Amino acid sequence: MPGEVVNLSVIGMAVETLIDLPPGYELTFRLRRNGSFLELRGWIRWCRPARTISTSEGKELKVFHSGVEFDEATISVVRRSADVLPLLSETEGGVAKGALEIRSRG
């Protein structure tokens, strides 16, 4: 499922999706940046409706924001990754520029 990074920190992130993700759900996130992928793993800690959008067919869709807590291995990777560090500052006040792909774990 596609998504957008709304906010990113060393220990977690907020994502925007068209799916109401249940708290406790374990996911793998692939962050695309500069032609490469960084795999991030974590758990949904909260999810709430953020807004609605209209499709070109006039259909209304709910957009959700979810908070993700990274696992320890991901926190370690984020701390060391030169690809992620620029995103930490880019997300202040807006959506990060890296595209996100979300996959269920298991």
N, C-alpha and C. Protein backbone atom coordinates (compact mmCIF):
# COMPACT_ATOMS: atom_id res chain seq x y z
N MET A 1 0.84 -1.17 0.00
CA MET A 1 0.00 0.00 0.00
C MET A 1 0.88 1.23 0.00
N PRO A 2 0.56 2.23 -0.76
CA PRO A 2 1.37 3.45 -0.77
C PRO A 2 1.07 4.32 0.45
N GLY A 3 2.00 5.19 0.75
CA GLY A 3 1.82 6.12 1.86
C GLY A 3 2.81 7.26 1.73
N GLU A 4 2.65 8.25 2.59
CA GLU A 4 3.56 9.39 2.63
C GLU A 4 4.05 9.55 4.05
N VAL A 5 5.31 9.93 4.19
CA VAL A 5 5.86 10.25 5.50
C VAL A 5 5.41 11.66 5.85
N VAL A 6 4.76 11.81 7.00
CA VAL A 6 4.31 13.13 7.47
C VAL A 6 5.36 13.73 8.39
N ASN A 7 5.96 12.87 9.22
CA ASN A 7 6.95 13.32 10.19
C ASN A 7 7.88 12.15 10.46
N LEU A 8 9.16 12.44 10.63
CA LEU A 8 10.14 11.39 10.83
C LEU A 8 11.10 11.78 11.94
N SER A 9 11.37 10.82 12.84
CA SER A 9 12.37 11.03 13.88
C SER A 9 13.21 9.78 13.98
N VAL A 10 14.18 9.76 14.86
CA VAL A 10 15.05 8.60 15.02
C VAL A 10 14.27 7.40 15.56
N ILE A 11 13.24 7.63 16.38
CA ILE A 11 12.53 6.52 17.03
C ILE A 11 11.19 6.17 16.39
N GLY A 12 10.75 6.94 15.40
CA GLY A 12 9.47 6.64 14.78
C GLY A 12 9.10 7.64 13.71
N MET A 13 7.88 7.51 13.23
CA MET A 13 7.39 8.43 12.20
C MET A 13 5.87 8.46 12.21
N ALA A 14 5.34 9.47 11.56
CA ALA A 14 3.91 9.54 11.29
C ALA A 14 3.75 9.35 9.78
N VAL A 15 2.76 8.55 9.40
CA VAL A 15 2.52 8.28 7.98
C VAL A 15 1.08 8.62 7.63
N GLU A 16 0.87 8.89 6.34
CA GLU A 16 -0.46 9.18 5.82
C GLU A 16 -0.82 8.09 4.83
N THR A 17 -1.98 7.47 5.03
CA THR A 17 -2.46 6.39 4.16
C THR A 17 -3.97 6.53 3.94
N LEU A 18 -4.48 5.71 3.06
CA LEU A 18 -5.92 5.64 2.84
C LEU A 18 -6.53 4.48 3.62
N ILE A 19 -5.75 3.86 4.50
CA ILE A 19 -6.20 2.71 5.28
C ILE A 19 -6.13 3.03 6.77
N ASP A 20 -7.17 2.63 7.50
CA ASP A 20 -7.22 2.77 8.96
C ASP A 20 -6.41 1.63 9.55
N LEU A 21 -5.15 1.92 9.93
CA LEU A 21 -4.25 0.88 10.44
C LEU A 21 -4.48 0.68 11.93
N PRO A 22 -4.71 -0.55 12.37
CA PRO A 22 -5.01 -0.79 13.79
C PRO A 22 -3.76 -0.70 14.67
N PRO A 23 -3.87 -0.09 15.85
CA PRO A 23 -2.74 -0.05 16.79
C PRO A 23 -2.24 -1.47 17.09
N GLY A 24 -0.93 -1.61 17.19
CA GLY A 24 -0.31 -2.90 17.43
C GLY A 24 0.07 -3.65 16.16
N TYR A 25 -0.44 -3.20 15.02
CA TYR A 25 -0.16 -3.85 13.75
C TYR A 25 1.31 -3.67 13.40
N GLU A 26 1.99 -4.76 13.07
CA GLU A 26 3.42 -4.72 12.75
C GLU A 26 3.59 -4.61 11.24
N LEU A 27 4.42 -3.65 10.82
CA LEU A 27 4.59 -3.38 9.40
C LEU A 27 6.06 -3.19 9.04
N THR A 28 6.35 -3.38 7.76
CA THR A 28 7.64 -3.02 7.18
C THR A 28 7.39 -1.86 6.22
N PHE A 29 8.22 -0.86 6.31
CA PHE A 29 8.11 0.33 5.47
C PHE A 29 9.35 0.42 4.61
N ARG A 30 9.18 0.68 3.32
CA ARG A 30 10.32 0.89 2.43
C ARG A 30 10.31 2.35 2.03
N LEU A 31 11.32 3.06 2.46
CA LEU A 31 11.46 4.48 2.17
C LEU A 31 12.36 4.63 0.95
N ARG A 32 11.81 5.22 -0.11
CA ARG A 32 12.58 5.41 -1.34
C ARG A 32 13.21 6.80 -1.32
N ARG A 33 14.50 6.82 -1.47
CA ARG A 33 15.23 8.09 -1.42
C ARG A 33 16.43 7.99 -2.36
N ASN A 34 16.52 8.93 -3.31
CA ASN A 34 17.66 8.99 -4.24
C ASN A 34 17.90 7.66 -4.97
N GLY A 35 16.81 7.02 -5.40
CA GLY A 35 16.93 5.80 -6.19
C GLY A 35 17.21 4.53 -5.41
N SER A 36 17.32 4.61 -4.10
CA SER A 36 17.53 3.40 -3.31
C SER A 36 16.44 3.28 -2.25
N PHE A 37 16.38 2.10 -1.62
CA PHE A 37 15.37 1.84 -0.60
C PHE A 37 16.03 1.63 0.75
N LEU A 38 15.36 2.10 1.78
CA LEU A 38 15.76 1.82 3.15
C LEU A 38 14.57 1.13 3.81
N GLU A 39 14.79 -0.05 4.37
CA GLU A 39 13.70 -0.79 5.00
C GLU A 39 13.61 -0.43 6.48
N LEU A 40 12.43 -0.02 6.91
CA LEU A 40 12.15 0.36 8.29
C LEU A 40 11.07 -0.56 8.84
N ARG A 41 11.19 -0.99 10.09
CA ARG A 41 10.18 -1.87 10.71
C ARG A 41 9.65 -1.23 11.97
N GLY A 42 8.37 -1.43 12.21
CA GLY A 42 7.79 -0.89 13.42
C GLY A 42 6.35 -1.30 13.61
N TRP A 43 5.72 -0.69 14.62
CA TRP A 43 4.35 -0.99 15.00
C TRP A 43 3.52 0.27 14.99
N ILE A 44 2.28 0.11 14.57
CA ILE A 44 1.34 1.23 14.63
C ILE A 44 0.99 1.46 16.10
N ARG A 45 1.11 2.68 16.57
CA ARG A 45 0.77 3.03 17.95
C ARG A 45 -0.54 3.80 18.04
N TRP A 46 -0.89 4.53 16.99
CA TRP A 46 -2.17 5.24 16.95
C TRP A 46 -2.54 5.51 15.49
N CYS A 47 -3.83 5.68 15.25
CA CYS A 47 -4.32 6.01 13.91
C CYS A 47 -5.58 6.85 14.06
N ARG A 48 -5.67 7.90 13.27
CA ARG A 48 -6.87 8.75 13.33
C ARG A 48 -7.15 9.35 11.95
N PRO A 49 -8.43 9.64 11.68
CA PRO A 49 -8.77 10.29 10.42
C PRO A 49 -8.14 11.68 10.38
N ALA A 50 -7.59 12.04 9.23
CA ALA A 50 -6.93 13.33 9.09
C ALA A 50 -7.74 14.29 8.22
N ARG A 51 -8.33 13.75 7.15
CA ARG A 51 -9.09 14.58 6.21
C ARG A 51 -9.78 13.67 5.20
N THR A 52 -10.51 14.26 4.30
CA THR A 52 -11.08 13.50 3.19
C THR A 52 -10.61 14.13 1.88
N ILE A 53 -10.54 13.30 0.86
CA ILE A 53 -10.20 13.79 -0.48
C ILE A 53 -11.25 13.30 -1.45
N SER A 54 -11.37 13.99 -2.57
CA SER A 54 -12.31 13.60 -3.62
C SER A 54 -11.55 13.06 -4.81
N THR A 55 -12.01 11.92 -5.33
CA THR A 55 -11.40 11.35 -6.52
C THR A 55 -11.94 12.06 -7.76
N SER A 56 -11.33 11.78 -8.90
CA SER A 56 -11.81 12.38 -10.15
C SER A 56 -13.22 11.91 -10.50
N GLU A 57 -13.64 10.76 -9.91
CA GLU A 57 -15.00 10.25 -10.13
C GLU A 57 -16.00 10.84 -9.13
N GLY A 58 -15.53 11.73 -8.25
CA GLY A 58 -16.41 12.34 -7.27
C GLY A 58 -16.59 11.53 -6.00
N LYS A 59 -15.83 10.49 -5.82
CA LYS A 59 -15.91 9.65 -4.63
C LYS A 59 -15.09 10.27 -3.50
N GLU A 60 -15.63 10.23 -2.28
CA GLU A 60 -14.93 10.75 -1.11
C GLU A 60 -14.13 9.63 -0.44
N LEU A 61 -12.86 9.88 -0.15
CA LEU A 61 -12.00 8.91 0.52
C LEU A 61 -11.45 9.51 1.81
N LYS A 62 -11.41 8.70 2.87
CA LYS A 62 -10.81 9.15 4.12
C LYS A 62 -9.30 8.97 4.05
N VAL A 63 -8.58 9.94 4.57
CA VAL A 63 -7.13 9.88 4.69
C VAL A 63 -6.81 9.77 6.18
N PHE A 64 -5.91 8.85 6.53
CA PHE A 64 -5.58 8.60 7.93
C PHE A 64 -4.12 8.96 8.22
N HIS A 65 -3.87 9.44 9.42
CA HIS A 65 -2.51 9.62 9.93
C HIS A 65 -2.29 8.57 11.01
N SER A 66 -1.14 7.89 10.96
CA SER A 66 -0.79 6.86 11.93
C SER A 66 0.60 7.12 12.49
N GLY A 67 0.75 6.85 13.78
CA GLY A 67 2.05 6.95 14.43
C GLY A 67 2.71 5.59 14.48
N VAL A 68 3.98 5.54 14.10
CA VAL A 68 4.74 4.30 14.04
C VAL A 68 5.91 4.38 15.01
N GLU A 69 6.07 3.35 15.83
CA GLU A 69 7.24 3.22 16.70
C GLU A 69 8.18 2.21 16.05
N PHE A 70 9.43 2.62 15.77
CA PHE A 70 10.40 1.72 15.14
C PHE A 70 10.88 0.66 16.12
N ASP A 71 11.28 -0.51 15.57
CA ASP A 71 11.93 -1.52 16.40
C ASP A 71 13.39 -1.10 16.62
N GLU A 72 14.08 -1.78 17.54
CA GLU A 72 15.46 -1.39 17.91
C GLU A 72 16.42 -1.44 16.73
N ALA A 73 16.30 -2.46 15.88
CA ALA A 73 17.19 -2.57 14.72
C ALA A 73 17.00 -1.39 13.77
N THR A 74 15.76 -0.97 13.57
CA THR A 74 15.48 0.16 12.69
C THR A 74 16.03 1.45 13.29
N ILE A 75 15.87 1.63 14.60
CA ILE A 75 16.40 2.83 15.25
C ILE A 75 17.91 2.91 15.01
N SER A 76 18.59 1.80 15.12
CA SER A 76 20.03 1.76 14.90
C SER A 76 20.37 2.14 13.46
N VAL A 77 19.61 1.61 12.50
CA VAL A 77 19.84 1.92 11.08
C VAL A 77 19.59 3.40 10.81
N VAL A 78 18.51 3.94 11.36
CA VAL A 78 18.18 5.35 11.14
C VAL A 78 19.28 6.25 11.69
N ARG A 79 19.81 5.92 12.84
CA ARG A 79 20.88 6.72 13.43
C ARG A 79 22.14 6.74 12.57
N ARG A 80 22.38 5.65 11.84
CA ARG A 80 23.61 5.54 11.04
C ARG A 80 23.42 5.92 9.58
N SER A 81 22.20 6.04 9.10
CA SER A 81 21.95 6.18 7.67
C SER A 81 22.09 7.61 7.17
N ALA A 82 23.01 7.80 6.24
CA ALA A 82 23.18 9.11 5.60
C ALA A 82 21.97 9.45 4.73
N ASP A 83 21.24 8.42 4.28
CA ASP A 83 20.05 8.67 3.46
C ASP A 83 18.88 9.23 4.27
N VAL A 84 18.77 8.84 5.53
CA VAL A 84 17.63 9.26 6.35
C VAL A 84 17.89 10.59 7.04
N LEU A 85 19.11 10.87 7.42
CA LEU A 85 19.40 12.08 8.19
C LEU A 85 18.89 13.37 7.53
N PRO A 86 19.04 13.55 6.20
CA PRO A 86 18.47 14.76 5.60
C PRO A 86 16.95 14.84 5.72
N LEU A 87 16.28 13.68 5.72
CA LEU A 87 14.82 13.66 5.85
C LEU A 87 14.37 14.15 7.22
N LEU A 88 15.19 13.94 8.24
CA LEU A 88 14.80 14.38 9.58
C LEU A 88 14.56 15.88 9.62
N SER A 89 15.36 16.65 8.91
CA SER A 89 15.15 18.10 8.89
C SER A 89 14.12 18.51 7.86
N GLU A 90 13.98 17.75 6.76
CA GLU A 90 13.02 18.09 5.72
C GLU A 90 11.57 17.93 6.17
N THR A 91 11.31 17.11 7.19
CA THR A 91 9.93 16.85 7.57
C THR A 91 9.37 17.90 8.51
N GLU A 92 10.19 18.77 9.05
CA GLU A 92 9.66 19.79 9.95
C GLU A 92 8.68 20.67 9.19
N GLY A 93 7.44 20.68 9.63
CA GLY A 93 6.41 21.51 9.02
C GLY A 93 5.86 20.99 7.72
N GLY A 94 6.19 19.77 7.32
CA GLY A 94 5.64 19.28 6.07
C GLY A 94 5.92 17.82 5.84
N VAL A 95 5.51 17.36 4.69
CA VAL A 95 5.65 15.95 4.34
C VAL A 95 7.05 15.72 3.80
N ALA A 96 7.66 14.63 4.21
CA ALA A 96 9.00 14.28 3.73
C ALA A 96 8.97 14.01 2.23
N LYS A 97 10.11 14.15 1.61
CA LYS A 97 10.19 14.00 0.18
C LYS A 97 10.42 12.55 -0.27
N GLY A 98 10.62 11.63 0.65
CA GLY A 98 10.81 10.23 0.29
C GLY A 98 9.46 9.52 0.14
N ALA A 99 9.33 8.71 -0.90
CA ALA A 99 8.10 7.95 -1.08
C ALA A 99 8.13 6.72 -0.18
N LEU A 100 6.96 6.28 0.25
CA LEU A 100 6.86 5.20 1.22
C LEU A 100 6.02 4.07 0.66
N GLU A 101 6.48 2.85 0.86
CA GLU A 101 5.73 1.65 0.52
C GLU A 101 5.55 0.87 1.81
N ILE A 102 4.33 0.49 2.13
CA ILE A 102 4.03 -0.16 3.39
C ILE A 102 3.59 -1.59 3.12
N ARG A 103 4.20 -2.55 3.86
CA ARG A 103 3.86 -3.97 3.70
C ARG A 103 3.58 -4.58 5.05
N SER A 104 2.60 -5.44 5.12
CA SER A 104 2.30 -6.18 6.34
C SER A 104 3.42 -7.15 6.63
N ARG A 105 3.75 -7.31 7.90
CA ARG A 105 4.76 -8.31 8.27
C ARG A 105 4.06 -9.58 8.68
N GLY A 106 4.57 -10.68 8.16
CA GLY A 106 4.01 -11.96 8.61
C GLY A 106 3.28 -12.71 7.58
